[in-house]
Each structure stands twice: as C-alpha cells, then as structure tokens.
Amino acid sequence: MAQDNEGDWRQGTLAKAREVILSADPEIIEEVKWRKPSNPAGVPTWSRDGIVCTGETYKDKVKLTFAHGAALDDPAGLFNASLEGKTRRAIDMFEGDAVNESALLALVREAVTFNLAKQK
C-alpha cells in the first residue's frame, strides 16, 4: 500500500527523483493518476507523448516504474525490479540508497525519445 507520510526518507527520495525527472525535458508533464480509497494521494505520473514513468512510495521502498522500460537501454543497471515483464521495468530504491542522478536523467531522456519515436 502506498504511503504519504511527509518528511520521511521516502518522500525525500521521491522528491529527488521528481527533480531529476522534470529536469530531463522541459515538456515533461507531471500529473496525479489512479486515486482510490487505498491511495487517496494517487500516483505521480510523468508523461511526454505517453507515460515516461510513475513514482510510488511503499512501506520499505520508493518505486519508479518506466512504462516502456523493457525497450530502453540501461547501461548503469538502474532497473532492479519487474525485470521479467515484457514492457515495464522498475527501479526500487530503499532507505539509504542515493538517487543516481546522471543515470536516471539519461534513462528518462531515453524514455522520452522512445515515446516521441512511437508517435511518428
């Protein structure tokens, strides 16, 4: 179940990831989707011509899920979850993990490029 406790490490990690994601492309849009009783805050979703990734906080981790992660190169090895999926890939970050800003920036830019190419 997603959490929304302000001030804990998860919110700080998600805030740092958000900063990197939004800096990757000036046309990325952030929206909140999938609000429901078990997660009234919804899921932050970043898009540019399609979903780039989502960010969720759980009890023990922050999860960034890339909509088309299986199609992206990940030379830094950020993807460490949902590796068996045919489409999505995710990055699980745990307490004490630092956000690899340069690798995340490159991955977000690649996801945007993938979405733009899909539109043509």
PDB file of N, CA and C in Angstrom:
ATOM      1  N   MET A   1       0.841  -1.178   0.000  1.00  0.00           N
ATOM      2  CA  MET A   1       0.000   0.000   0.000  1.00  0.00           C
ATOM      3  C   MET A   1       0.887   1.243   0.000  1.00  0.00           C
ATOM      4  N   ALA A   2       0.547   2.211  -0.785  1.00  0.00           N
ATOM      5  CA  ALA A   2       1.333   3.442  -0.888  1.00  0.00           C
ATOM      6  C   ALA A   2       1.208   4.252   0.395  1.00  0.00           C
ATOM      7  N   GLN A   3       2.222   5.010   0.684  1.00  0.00           N
ATOM      8  CA  GLN A   3       2.243   5.849   1.874  1.00  0.00           C
ATOM      9  C   GLN A   3       2.358   7.307   1.463  1.00  0.00           C
ATOM     10  N   ASP A   4       1.944   8.218   2.325  1.00  0.00           N
ATOM     11  CA  ASP A   4       2.113   9.636   2.030  1.00  0.00           C
ATOM     12  C   ASP A   4       2.553  10.413   3.270  1.00  0.00           C
ATOM     13  N   ASN A   5       3.381   9.790   4.101  1.00  0.00           N
ATOM     14  CA  ASN A   5       3.881  10.449   5.300  1.00  0.00           C
ATOM     15  C   ASN A   5       4.922  11.490   4.908  1.00  0.00           C
ATOM     16  N   GLU A   6       4.574  12.763   5.148  1.00  0.00           N
ATOM     17  CA  GLU A   6       5.505  13.836   4.809  1.00  0.00           C
ATOM     18  C   GLU A   6       6.739  13.756   5.700  1.00  0.00           C
ATOM     19  N   GLY A   7       7.888  14.053   5.128  1.00  0.00           N
ATOM     20  CA  GLY A   7       9.088  14.180   5.921  1.00  0.00           C
ATOM     21  C   GLY A   7       9.890  12.914   6.106  1.00  0.00           C
ATOM     22  N   ASP A   8       9.382  11.747   5.706  1.00  0.00           N
ATOM     23  CA  ASP A   8      10.200  10.558   5.879  1.00  0.00           C
ATOM     24  C   ASP A   8      11.140  10.386   4.684  1.00  0.00           C
ATOM     25  N   TRP A   9      12.017   9.413   4.775  1.00  0.00           N
ATOM     26  CA  TRP A   9      13.035   9.225   3.737  1.00  0.00           C
ATOM     27  C   TRP A   9      12.414   8.968   2.372  1.00  0.00           C
ATOM     28  N   ARG A  10      11.252   8.321   2.348  1.00  0.00           N
ATOM     29  CA  ARG A  10      10.613   8.007   1.064  1.00  0.00           C
ATOM     30  C   ARG A  10      10.202   9.272   0.331  1.00  0.00           C
ATOM     31  N   GLN A  11       9.648  10.220   1.054  1.00  0.00           N
ATOM     32  CA  GLN A  11       9.242  11.475   0.415  1.00  0.00           C
ATOM     33  C   GLN A  11      10.467  12.238  -0.096  1.00  0.00           C
ATOM     34  N   GLY A  12      11.549  12.202   0.650  1.00  0.00           N
ATOM     35  CA  GLY A  12      12.781  12.853   0.212  1.00  0.00           C
ATOM     36  C   GLY A  12      13.350  12.199  -1.041  1.00  0.00           C
ATOM     37  N   THR A  13      13.335  10.877  -1.064  1.00  0.00           N
ATOM     38  CA  THR A  13      13.835  10.144  -2.238  1.00  0.00           C
ATOM     39  C   THR A  13      12.965  10.418  -3.452  1.00  0.00           C
ATOM     40  N   LEU A  14      11.641  10.395  -3.265  1.00  0.00           N
ATOM     41  CA  LEU A  14      10.732  10.670  -4.380  1.00  0.00           C
ATOM     42  C   LEU A  14      10.882  12.108  -4.860  1.00  0.00           C
ATOM     43  N   ALA A  15      11.085  13.047  -3.949  1.00  0.00           N
ATOM     44  CA  ALA A  15      11.279  14.452  -4.323  1.00  0.00           C
ATOM     45  C   ALA A  15      12.544  14.617  -5.161  1.00  0.00           C
ATOM     46  N   LYS A  16      13.608  13.916  -4.785  1.00  0.00           N
ATOM     47  CA  LYS A  16      14.865  13.997  -5.550  1.00  0.00           C
ATOM     48  C   LYS A  16      14.670  13.393  -6.940  1.00  0.00           C
ATOM     49  N   ALA A  17      13.999  12.244  -7.007  1.00  0.00           N
ATOM     50  CA  ALA A  17      13.729  11.624  -8.312  1.00  0.00           C
ATOM     51  C   ALA A  17      12.876  12.554  -9.167  1.00  0.00           C
ATOM     52  N   ARG A  18      11.855  13.169  -8.573  1.00  0.00           N
ATOM     53  CA  ARG A  18      10.982  14.108  -9.291  1.00  0.00           C
ATOM     54  C   ARG A  18      11.805  15.249  -9.903  1.00  0.00           C
ATOM     55  N   GLU A  19      12.731  15.785  -9.115  1.00  0.00           N
ATOM     56  CA  GLU A  19      13.584  16.885  -9.579  1.00  0.00           C
ATOM     57  C   GLU A  19      14.379  16.458 -10.823  1.00  0.00           C
ATOM     58  N   VAL A  20      14.954  15.271 -10.771  1.00  0.00           N
ATOM     59  CA  VAL A  20      15.745  14.765 -11.908  1.00  0.00           C
ATOM     60  C   VAL A  20      14.841  14.522 -13.116  1.00  0.00           C
ATOM     61  N   ILE A  21      13.689  13.883 -12.890  1.00  0.00           N
ATOM     62  CA  ILE A  21      12.777  13.570 -13.998  1.00  0.00           C
ATOM     63  C   ILE A  21      12.323  14.846 -14.695  1.00  0.00           C
ATOM     64  N   LEU A  22      11.913  15.832 -13.913  1.00  0.00           N
ATOM     65  CA  LEU A  22      11.428  17.079 -14.515  1.00  0.00           C
ATOM     66  C   LEU A  22      12.536  17.866 -15.206  1.00  0.00           C
ATOM     67  N   SER A  23      13.776  17.686 -14.773  1.00  0.00           N
ATOM     68  CA  SER A  23      14.894  18.404 -15.404  1.00  0.00           C
ATOM     69  C   SER A  23      15.328  17.751 -16.714  1.00  0.00           C
ATOM     70  N   ALA A  24      14.865  16.532 -16.967  1.00  0.00           N
ATOM     71  CA  ALA A  24      15.314  15.791 -18.155  1.00  0.00           C
ATOM     72  C   ALA A  24      14.771  16.375 -19.450  1.00  0.00           C
ATOM     73  N   ASP A  25      13.590  16.971 -19.397  1.00  0.00           N
ATOM     74  CA  ASP A  25      12.958  17.502 -20.609  1.00  0.00           C
ATOM     75  C   ASP A  25      11.963  18.575 -20.184  1.00  0.00           C
ATOM     76  N   PRO A  26      12.044  19.764 -20.789  1.00  0.00           N
ATOM     77  CA  PRO A  26      11.151  20.845 -20.367  1.00  0.00           C
ATOM     78  C   PRO A  26       9.670  20.586 -20.665  1.00  0.00           C
ATOM     79  N   GLU A  27       9.374  19.601 -21.497  1.00  0.00           N
ATOM     80  CA  GLU A  27       7.985  19.333 -21.853  1.00  0.00           C
ATOM     81  C   GLU A  27       7.372  18.150 -21.097  1.00  0.00           C
ATOM     82  N   ILE A  28       8.105  17.595 -20.146  1.00  0.00           N
ATOM     83  CA  ILE A  28       7.536  16.534 -19.319  1.00  0.00           C
ATOM     84  C   ILE A  28       6.456  17.145 -18.438  1.00  0.00           C
ATOM     85  N   ILE A  29       5.336  16.466 -18.365  1.00  0.00           N
ATOM     86  CA  ILE A  29       4.199  16.902 -17.558  1.00  0.00           C
ATOM     87  C   ILE A  29       4.047  15.941 -16.386  1.00  0.00           C
ATOM     88  N   GLU A  30       3.817  16.500 -15.202  1.00  0.00           N
ATOM     89  CA  GLU A  30       3.526  15.672 -14.035  1.00  0.00           C
ATOM     90  C   GLU A  30       2.041  15.769 -13.711  1.00  0.00           C
ATOM     91  N   GLU A  31       1.412  14.610 -13.548  1.00  0.00           N
ATOM     92  CA  GLU A  31       0.011  14.532 -13.156  1.00  0.00           C
ATOM     93  C   GLU A  31      -0.107  13.504 -12.039  1.00  0.00           C
ATOM     94  N   VAL A  32      -1.222  13.544 -11.337  1.00  0.00           N
ATOM     95  CA  VAL A  32      -1.525  12.507 -10.356  1.00  0.00           C
ATOM     96  C   VAL A  32      -2.652  11.671 -10.932  1.00  0.00           C
ATOM     97  N   LYS A  33      -2.427  10.359 -11.006  1.00  0.00           N
ATOM     98  CA  LYS A  33      -3.418   9.439 -11.568  1.00  0.00           C
ATOM     99  C   LYS A  33      -3.750   8.361 -10.549  1.00  0.00           C
ATOM    100  N   TRP A  34      -4.774   7.618 -10.852  1.00  0.00           N
ATOM    101  CA  TRP A  34      -5.150   6.428 -10.096  1.00  0.00           C
ATOM    102  C   TRP A  34      -5.402   6.681  -8.614  1.00  0.00           C
ATOM    103  N   ARG A  35      -6.157   7.743  -8.312  1.00  0.00           N
ATOM    104  CA  ARG A  35      -6.590   7.967  -6.925  1.00  0.00           C
ATOM    105  C   ARG A  35      -7.648   6.928  -6.574  1.00  0.00           C
ATOM    106  N   LYS A  36      -7.540   6.367  -5.383  1.00  0.00           N
ATOM    107  CA  LYS A  36      -8.522   5.387  -4.915  1.00  0.00           C
ATOM    108  C   LYS A  36      -8.513   5.392  -3.393  1.00  0.00           C
ATOM    109  N   PRO A  37      -9.510   4.773  -2.762  1.00  0.00           N
ATOM    110  CA  PRO A  37      -9.575   4.815  -1.294  1.00  0.00           C
ATOM    111  C   PRO A  37      -8.302   4.322  -0.599  1.00  0.00           C
ATOM    112  N   SER A  38      -7.672   3.310  -1.148  1.00  0.00           N
ATOM    113  CA  SER A  38      -6.443   2.798  -0.519  1.00  0.00           C
ATOM    114  C   SER A  38      -5.224   3.674  -0.802  1.00  0.00           C
ATOM    115  N   ASN A  39      -5.346   4.610  -1.755  1.00  0.00           N
ATOM    116  CA  ASN A  39      -4.249   5.526  -2.082  1.00  0.00           C
ATOM    117  C   ASN A  39      -4.851   6.858  -2.520  1.00  0.00           C
ATOM    118  N   PRO A  40      -5.422   7.618  -1.563  1.00  0.00           N
ATOM    119  CA  PRO A  40      -6.115   8.858  -1.929  1.00  0.00           C
ATOM    120  C   PRO A  40      -5.208   9.918  -2.556  1.00  0.00           C
ATOM    121  N   ALA A  41      -3.912   9.845  -2.297  1.00  0.00           N
ATOM    122  CA  ALA A  41      -2.987  10.813  -2.890  1.00  0.00           C
ATOM    123  C   ALA A  41      -2.723  10.511  -4.361  1.00  0.00           C
ATOM    124  N   GLY A  42      -3.028   9.299  -4.802  1.00  0.00           N
ATOM    125  CA  GLY A  42      -2.794   8.924  -6.190  1.00  0.00           C
ATOM    126  C   GLY A  42      -1.326   8.633  -6.466  1.00  0.00           C
ATOM    127  N   VAL A  43      -1.028   8.499  -7.743  1.00  0.00           N
ATOM    128  CA  VAL A  43       0.315   8.122  -8.183  1.00  0.00           C
ATOM    129  C   VAL A  43       0.890   9.236  -9.066  1.00  0.00           C
ATOM    130  N   PRO A  44       2.022   9.838  -8.657  1.00  0.00           N
ATOM    131  CA  PRO A  44       2.661  10.807  -9.539  1.00  0.00           C
ATOM    132  C   PRO A  44       3.058  10.123 -10.847  1.00  0.00           C
ATOM    133  N   THR A  45       2.689  10.741 -11.957  1.00  0.00           N
ATOM    134  CA  THR A  45       2.918  10.162 -13.275  1.00  0.00           C
ATOM    135  C   THR A  45       3.535  11.240 -14.163  1.00  0.00           C
ATOM    136  N   TRP A  46       4.662  10.909 -14.772  1.00  0.00           N
ATOM    137  CA  TRP A  46       5.349  11.858 -15.647  1.00  0.00           C
ATOM    138  C   TRP A  46       5.202  11.395 -17.088  1.00  0.00           C
ATOM    139  N   SER A  47       4.782  12.325 -17.950  1.00  0.00           N
ATOM    140  CA  SER A  47       4.484  11.981 -19.334  1.00  0.00           C
ATOM    141  C   SER A  47       5.095  12.974 -20.305  1.00  0.00           C
ATOM    142  N   ARG A  48       5.373  12.482 -21.476  1.00  0.00           N
ATOM    143  CA  ARG A  48       5.701  13.290 -22.647  1.00  0.00           C
ATOM    144  C   ARG A  48       5.352  12.411 -23.832  1.00  0.00           C
ATOM    145  N   ASP A  49       4.250  12.721 -24.504  1.00  0.00           N
ATOM    146  CA  ASP A  49       3.754  11.893 -25.605  1.00  0.00           C
ATOM    147  C   ASP A  49       3.579  10.443 -25.167  1.00  0.00           C
ATOM    148  N   GLY A  50       3.060  10.258 -23.984  1.00  0.00           N
ATOM    149  CA  GLY A  50       2.878   8.941 -23.382  1.00  0.00           C
ATOM    150  C   GLY A  50       3.564   8.923 -22.027  1.00  0.00           C
ATOM    151  N   ILE A  51       3.218   7.945 -21.220  1.00  0.00           N
ATOM    152  CA  ILE A  51       3.802   7.860 -19.878  1.00  0.00           C
ATOM    153  C   ILE A  51       5.291   7.536 -19.973  1.00  0.00           C
ATOM    154  N   VAL A  52       6.079   8.317 -19.265  1.00  0.00           N
ATOM    155  CA  VAL A  52       7.512   8.062 -19.126  1.00  0.00           C
ATOM    156  C   VAL A  52       7.702   7.125 -17.930  1.00  0.00           C
ATOM    157  N   CYS A  53       7.236   7.572 -16.757  1.00  0.00           N
ATOM    158  CA  CYS A  53       7.337   6.736 -15.565  1.00  0.00           C
ATOM    159  C   CYS A  53       6.371   7.204 -14.492  1.00  0.00           C
ATOM    160  N   THR A  54       6.198   6.358 -13.499  1.00  0.00           N
ATOM    161  CA  THR A  54       5.394   6.675 -12.328  1.00  0.00           C
ATOM    162  C   THR A  54       6.268   6.544 -11.098  1.00  0.00           C
ATOM    163  N   GLY A  55       5.855   7.186 -10.016  1.00  0.00           N
ATOM    164  CA  GLY A  55       6.591   7.094  -8.760  1.00  0.00           C
ATOM    165  C   GLY A  55       5.659   6.761  -7.621  1.00  0.00           C
ATOM    166  N   GLU A  56       5.986   5.743  -6.865  1.00  0.00           N
ATOM    167  CA  GLU A  56       5.149   5.345  -5.741  1.00  0.00           C
ATOM    168  C   GLU A  56       6.008   5.095  -4.520  1.00  0.00           C
ATOM    169  N   THR A  57       5.423   5.387  -3.361  1.00  0.00           N
ATOM    170  CA  THR A  57       6.101   5.067  -2.109  1.00  0.00           C
ATOM    171  C   THR A  57       5.378   3.911  -1.442  1.00  0.00           C
ATOM    172  N   TYR A  58       6.161   2.995  -0.937  1.00  0.00           N
ATOM    173  CA  TYR A  58       5.663   1.836  -0.197  1.00  0.00           C
ATOM    174  C   TYR A  58       6.313   1.849   1.174  1.00  0.00           C
ATOM    175  N   LYS A  59       5.936   0.926   2.031  1.00  0.00           N
ATOM    176  CA  LYS A  59       6.455   0.887   3.396  1.00  0.00           C
ATOM    177  C   LYS A  59       7.984   0.859   3.419  1.00  0.00           C
ATOM    178  N   ASP A  60       8.568   0.072   2.504  1.00  0.00           N
ATOM    179  CA  ASP A  60      10.015  -0.143   2.551  1.00  0.00           C
ATOM    180  C   ASP A  60      10.783   0.386   1.351  1.00  0.00           C
ATOM    181  N   LYS A  61      10.085   1.060   0.408  1.00  0.00           N
ATOM    182  CA  LYS A  61      10.800   1.482  -0.802  1.00  0.00           C
ATOM    183  C   LYS A  61      10.063   2.584  -1.540  1.00  0.00           C
ATOM    184  N   VAL A  62      10.801   3.186  -2.470  1.00  0.00           N
ATOM    185  CA  VAL A  62      10.244   4.078  -3.486  1.00  0.00           C
ATOM    186  C   VAL A  62      10.421   3.349  -4.802  1.00  0.00           C
ATOM    187  N   LYS A  63       9.364   3.290  -5.597  1.00  0.00           N
ATOM    188  CA  LYS A  63       9.408   2.557  -6.865  1.00  0.00           C
ATOM    189  C   LYS A  63       9.138   3.516  -8.018  1.00  0.00           C
ATOM    190  N   LEU A  64      10.076   3.566  -8.948  1.00  0.00           N
ATOM    191  CA  LEU A  64       9.878   4.279 -10.210  1.00  0.00           C
ATOM    192  C   LEU A  64       9.656   3.224 -11.276  1.00  0.00           C
ATOM    193  N   THR A  65       8.485   3.252 -11.906  1.00  0.00           N
ATOM    194  CA  THR A  65       8.157   2.270 -12.932  1.00  0.00           C
ATOM    195  C   THR A  65       8.121   2.956 -14.284  1.00  0.00           C
ATOM    196  N   PHE A  66       8.933   2.467 -15.202  1.00  0.00           N
ATOM    197  CA  PHE A  66       9.009   3.018 -16.556  1.00  0.00           C
ATOM    198  C   PHE A  66       8.081   2.221 -17.461  1.00  0.00           C
ATOM    199  N   ALA A  67       7.145   2.927 -18.096  1.00  0.00           N
ATOM    200  CA  ALA A  67       6.092   2.298 -18.890  1.00  0.00           C
ATOM    201  C   ALA A  67       6.647   1.399 -19.992  1.00  0.00           C
ATOM    202  N   HIS A  68       7.745   1.796 -20.597  1.00  0.00           N
ATOM    203  CA  HIS A  68       8.350   1.020 -21.688  1.00  0.00           C
ATOM    204  C   HIS A  68       9.794   0.666 -21.354  1.00  0.00           C
ATOM    205  N   GLY A  69      10.029   0.398 -20.085  1.00  0.00           N
ATOM    206  CA  GLY A  69      11.391   0.137 -19.622  1.00  0.00           C
ATOM    207  C   GLY A  69      12.088  -1.016 -20.304  1.00  0.00           C
ATOM    208  N   ALA A  70      11.325  -2.046 -20.705  1.00  0.00           N
ATOM    209  CA  ALA A  70      11.944  -3.205 -21.351  1.00  0.00           C
ATOM    210  C   ALA A  70      12.562  -2.841 -22.697  1.00  0.00           C
ATOM    211  N   ALA A  71      12.116  -1.736 -23.289  1.00  0.00           N
ATOM    212  CA  ALA A  71      12.638  -1.312 -24.585  1.00  0.00           C
ATOM    213  C   ALA A  71      13.813  -0.341 -24.454  1.00  0.00           C
ATOM    214  N   LEU A  72      14.175   0.016 -23.229  1.00  0.00           N
ATOM    215  CA  LEU A  72      15.213   1.018 -23.009  1.00  0.00           C
ATOM    216  C   LEU A  72      16.543   0.375 -22.649  1.00  0.00           C
ATOM    217  N   ASP A  73      17.634   1.010 -23.096  1.00  0.00           N
ATOM    218  CA  ASP A  73      18.956   0.597 -22.648  1.00  0.00           C
ATOM    219  C   ASP A  73      19.147   1.123 -21.231  1.00  0.00           C
ATOM    220  N   ASP A  74      19.776   0.338 -20.402  1.00  0.00           N
ATOM    221  CA  ASP A  74      20.016   0.712 -19.015  1.00  0.00           C
ATOM    222  C   ASP A  74      21.468   0.402 -18.666  1.00  0.00           C
ATOM    223  N   PRO A  75      22.407   1.143 -19.275  1.00  0.00           N
ATOM    224  CA  PRO A  75      23.825   0.812 -19.072  1.00  0.00           C
ATOM    225  C   PRO A  75      24.272   0.919 -17.616  1.00  0.00           C
ATOM    226  N   ALA A  76      23.614   1.746 -16.818  1.00  0.00           N
ATOM    227  CA  ALA A  76      24.008   1.895 -15.414  1.00  0.00           C
ATOM    228  C   ALA A  76      23.365   0.824 -14.523  1.00  0.00           C
ATOM    229  N   GLY A  77      22.469   0.028 -15.095  1.00  0.00           N
ATOM    230  CA  GLY A  77      21.832  -1.032 -14.322  1.00  0.00           C
ATOM    231  C   GLY A  77      20.878  -0.536 -13.250  1.00  0.00           C
ATOM    232  N   LEU A  78      20.160   0.545 -13.543  1.00  0.00           N
ATOM    233  CA  LEU A  78      19.207   1.076 -12.563  1.00  0.00           C
ATOM    234  C   LEU A  78      18.013   0.146 -12.349  1.00  0.00           C
ATOM    235  N   PHE A  79      17.546  -0.489 -13.416  1.00  0.00           N
ATOM    236  CA  PHE A  79      16.381  -1.359 -13.278  1.00  0.00           C
ATOM    237  C   PHE A  79      16.736  -2.557 -12.405  1.00  0.00           C
ATOM    238  N   ASN A  80      15.977  -2.725 -11.324  1.00  0.00           N
ATOM    239  CA  ASN A  80      16.223  -3.840 -10.417  1.00  0.00           C
ATOM    240  C   ASN A  80      14.917  -4.522  -9.989  1.00  0.00           C
ATOM    241  N   ALA A  81      13.818  -4.186 -10.660  1.00  0.00           N
ATOM    242  CA  ALA A  81      12.519  -4.779 -10.318  1.00  0.00           C
ATOM    243  C   ALA A  81      11.680  -4.909 -11.589  1.00  0.00           C
ATOM    244  N   SER A  82      10.725  -5.801 -11.555  1.00  0.00           N
ATOM    245  CA  SER A  82       9.846  -6.058 -12.710  1.00  0.00           C
ATOM    246  C   SER A  82      10.661  -6.449 -13.944  1.00  0.00           C
ATOM    247  N   LEU A  83      11.770  -7.120 -13.722  1.00  0.00           N
ATOM    248  CA  LEU A  83      12.675  -7.466 -14.820  1.00  0.00           C
ATOM    249  C   LEU A  83      12.112  -8.552 -15.730  1.00  0.00           C
ATOM    250  N   GLU A  84      11.123  -9.305 -15.242  1.00  0.00           N
ATOM    251  CA  GLU A  84      10.553 -10.377 -16.044  1.00  0.00           C
ATOM    252  C   GLU A  84       9.448  -9.876 -16.969  1.00  0.00           C
ATOM    253  N   GLY A  85       9.010  -8.634 -16.778  1.00  0.00           N
ATOM    254  CA  GLY A  85       7.931  -8.081 -17.597  1.00  0.00           C
ATOM    255  C   GLY A  85       8.354  -7.863 -19.037  1.00  0.00           C
ATOM    256  N   LYS A  86       7.400  -7.940 -19.925  1.00  0.00           N
ATOM    257  CA  LYS A  86       7.687  -7.748 -21.344  1.00  0.00           C
ATOM    258  C   LYS A  86       7.684  -6.278 -21.746  1.00  0.00           C
ATOM    259  N   THR A  87       7.117  -5.410 -20.893  1.00  0.00           N
ATOM    260  CA  THR A  87       7.005  -3.998 -21.251  1.00  0.00           C
ATOM    261  C   THR A  87       7.644  -3.093 -20.200  1.00  0.00           C
ATOM    262  N   ARG A  88       7.174  -3.184 -18.977  1.00  0.00           N
ATOM    263  CA  ARG A  88       7.629  -2.273 -17.920  1.00  0.00           C
ATOM    264  C   ARG A  88       8.900  -2.786 -17.243  1.00  0.00           C
ATOM    265  N   ARG A  89       9.617  -1.828 -16.664  1.00  0.00           N
ATOM    266  CA  ARG A  89      10.739  -2.108 -15.774  1.00  0.00           C
ATOM    267  C   ARG A  89      10.669  -1.089 -14.647  1.00  0.00           C
ATOM    268  N   ALA A  90      11.208  -1.453 -13.499  1.00  0.00           N
ATOM    269  CA  ALA A  90      11.138  -0.553 -12.352  1.00  0.00           C
ATOM    270  C   ALA A  90      12.480  -0.438 -11.641  1.00  0.00           C
ATOM    271  N   ILE A  91      12.580   0.653 -10.901  1.00  0.00           N
ATOM    272  CA  ILE A  91      13.725   0.903 -10.036  1.00  0.00           C
ATOM    273  C   ILE A  91      13.182   0.970  -8.617  1.00  0.00           C
ATOM    274  N   ASP A  92      13.600   0.045  -7.769  1.00  0.00           N
ATOM    275  CA  ASP A  92      13.234   0.083  -6.352  1.00  0.00           C
ATOM    276  C   ASP A  92      14.385   0.721  -5.593  1.00  0.00           C
ATOM    277  N   MET A  93      14.066   1.763  -4.826  1.00  0.00           N
ATOM    278  CA  MET A  93      15.070   2.445  -4.008  1.00  0.00           C
ATOM    279  C   MET A  93      14.681   2.274  -2.548  1.00  0.00           C
ATOM    280  N   PHE A  94      15.651   1.866  -1.751  1.00  0.00           N
ATOM    281  CA  PHE A  94      15.420   1.587  -0.344  1.00  0.00           C
ATOM    282  C   PHE A  94      16.098   2.644   0.522  1.00  0.00           C
ATOM    283  N   GLU A  95      15.742   2.667   1.797  1.00  0.00           N
ATOM    284  CA  GLU A  95      16.307   3.653   2.715  1.00  0.00           C
ATOM    285  C   GLU A  95      17.836   3.597   2.642  1.00  0.00           C
ATOM    286  N   GLY A  96      18.442   4.756   2.500  1.00  0.00           N
ATOM    287  CA  GLY A  96      19.896   4.852   2.410  1.00  0.00           C
ATOM    288  C   GLY A  96      20.415   4.846   0.980  1.00  0.00           C
ATOM    289  N   ASP A  97      19.584   4.435   0.018  1.00  0.00           N
ATOM    290  CA  ASP A  97      20.003   4.464  -1.388  1.00  0.00           C
ATOM    291  C   ASP A  97      20.030   5.906  -1.887  1.00  0.00           C
ATOM    292  N   ALA A  98      21.064   6.245  -2.621  1.00  0.00           N
ATOM    293  CA  ALA A  98      21.139   7.564  -3.247  1.00  0.00           C
ATOM    294  C   ALA A  98      20.537   7.469  -4.646  1.00  0.00           C
ATOM    295  N   VAL A  99      19.916   8.545  -5.083  1.00  0.00           N
ATOM    296  CA  VAL A  99      19.410   8.607  -6.451  1.00  0.00           C
ATOM    297  C   VAL A  99      20.604   8.841  -7.365  1.00  0.00           C
ATOM    298  N   ASN A 100      20.827   7.936  -8.317  1.00  0.00           N
ATOM    299  CA  ASN A 100      21.904   8.097  -9.295  1.00  0.00           C
ATOM    300  C   ASN A 100      21.401   9.096 -10.332  1.00  0.00           C
ATOM    301  N   GLU A 101      21.665  10.373 -10.076  1.00  0.00           N
ATOM    302  CA  GLU A 101      21.073  11.441 -10.870  1.00  0.00           C
ATOM    303  C   GLU A 101      21.431  11.368 -12.347  1.00  0.00           C
ATOM    304  N   SER A 102      22.697  11.158 -12.663  1.00  0.00           N
ATOM    305  CA  SER A 102      23.094  11.165 -14.078  1.00  0.00           C
ATOM    306  C   SER A 102      22.502   9.976 -14.819  1.00  0.00           C
ATOM    307  N   ALA A 103      22.482   8.810 -14.187  1.00  0.00           N
ATOM    308  CA  ALA A 103      21.916   7.627 -14.844  1.00  0.00           C
ATOM    309  C   ALA A 103      20.397   7.754 -14.984  1.00  0.00           C
ATOM    310  N   LEU A 104      19.720   8.284 -13.954  1.00  0.00           N
ATOM    311  CA  LEU A 104      18.272   8.479 -14.046  1.00  0.00           C
ATOM    312  C   LEU A 104      17.934   9.506 -15.116  1.00  0.00           C
ATOM    313  N   LEU A 105      18.702  10.571 -15.177  1.00  0.00           N
ATOM    314  CA  LEU A 105      18.497  11.598 -16.206  1.00  0.00           C
ATOM    315  C   LEU A 105      18.594  10.983 -17.601  1.00  0.00           C
ATOM    316  N   ALA A 106      19.614  10.175 -17.826  1.00  0.00           N
ATOM    317  CA  ALA A 106      19.800   9.524 -19.136  1.00  0.00           C
ATOM    318  C   ALA A 106      18.639   8.574 -19.439  1.00  0.00           C
ATOM    319  N   LEU A 107      18.186   7.835 -18.434  1.00  0.00           N
ATOM    320  CA  LEU A 107      17.096   6.884 -18.636  1.00  0.00           C
ATOM    321  C   LEU A 107      15.784   7.605 -18.959  1.00  0.00           C
ATOM    322  N   VAL A 108      15.501   8.694 -18.272  1.00  0.00           N
ATOM    323  CA  VAL A 108      14.290   9.473 -18.550  1.00  0.00           C
ATOM    324  C   VAL A 108      14.359  10.052 -19.957  1.00  0.00           C
ATOM    325  N   ARG A 109      15.509  10.580 -20.334  1.00  0.00           N
ATOM    326  CA  ARG A 109      15.651  11.131 -21.689  1.00  0.00           C
ATOM    327  C   ARG A 109      15.463  10.043 -22.743  1.00  0.00           C
ATOM    328  N   GLU A 110      15.955   8.860 -22.486  1.00  0.00           N
ATOM    329  CA  GLU A 110      15.770   7.759 -23.425  1.00  0.00           C
ATOM    330  C   GLU A 110      14.295   7.374 -23.519  1.00  0.00           C
ATOM    331  N   ALA A 111      13.596   7.391 -22.378  1.00  0.00           N
ATOM    332  CA  ALA A 111      12.163   7.075 -22.374  1.00  0.00           C
ATOM    333  C   ALA A 111      11.377   8.115 -23.172  1.00  0.00           C
ATOM    334  N   VAL A 112      11.744   9.379 -23.050  1.00  0.00           N
ATOM    335  CA  VAL A 112      11.096  10.436 -23.836  1.00  0.00           C
ATOM    336  C   VAL A 112      11.353  10.210 -25.317  1.00  0.00           C
ATOM    337  N   THR A 113      12.589   9.908 -25.677  1.00  0.00           N
ATOM    338  CA  THR A 113      12.935   9.646 -27.072  1.00  0.00           C
ATOM    339  C   THR A 113      12.136   8.458 -27.604  1.00  0.00           C
ATOM    340  N   PHE A 114      11.990   7.418 -26.798  1.00  0.00           N
ATOM    341  CA  PHE A 114      11.191   6.254 -27.186  1.00  0.00           C
ATOM    342  C   PHE A 114       9.751   6.666 -27.456  1.00  0.00           C
ATOM    343  N   ASN A 115       9.166   7.453 -26.553  1.00  0.00           N
ATOM    344  CA  ASN A 115       7.775   7.899 -26.730  1.00  0.00           C
ATOM    345  C   ASN A 115       7.614   8.745 -27.979  1.00  0.00           C
ATOM    346  N   LEU A 116       8.556   9.646 -28.222  1.00  0.00           N
ATOM    347  CA  LEU A 116       8.473  10.508 -29.402  1.00  0.00           C
ATOM    348  C   LEU A 116       8.568   9.689 -30.682  1.00  0.00           C
ATOM    349  N   ALA A 117       9.450   8.696 -30.705  1.00  0.00           N
ATOM    350  CA  ALA A 117       9.605   7.838 -31.884  1.00  0.00           C
ATOM    351  C   ALA A 117       8.344   7.020 -32.122  1.00  0.00           C
ATOM    352  N   LYS A 118       7.695   6.605 -31.043  1.00  0.00           N
ATOM    353  CA  LYS A 118       6.455   5.827 -31.140  1.00  0.00           C
ATOM    354  C   LYS A 118       5.341   6.625 -31.797  1.00  0.00           C
ATOM    355  N   GLN A 119       5.377   7.944 -31.599  1.00  0.00           N
ATOM    356  CA  GLN A 119       4.332   8.820 -32.125  1.00  0.00           C
ATOM    357  C   GLN A 119       4.435   9.037 -33.623  1.00  0.00           C
ATOM    358  N   LYS A 120       5.616   8.776 -34.190  1.00  0.00           N
ATOM    359  CA  LYS A 120       5.832   9.046 -35.629  1.00  0.00           C
ATOM    360  C   LYS A 120       5.263   7.958 -36.493  1.00  0.00           C
TER     361      LYS A 120
END
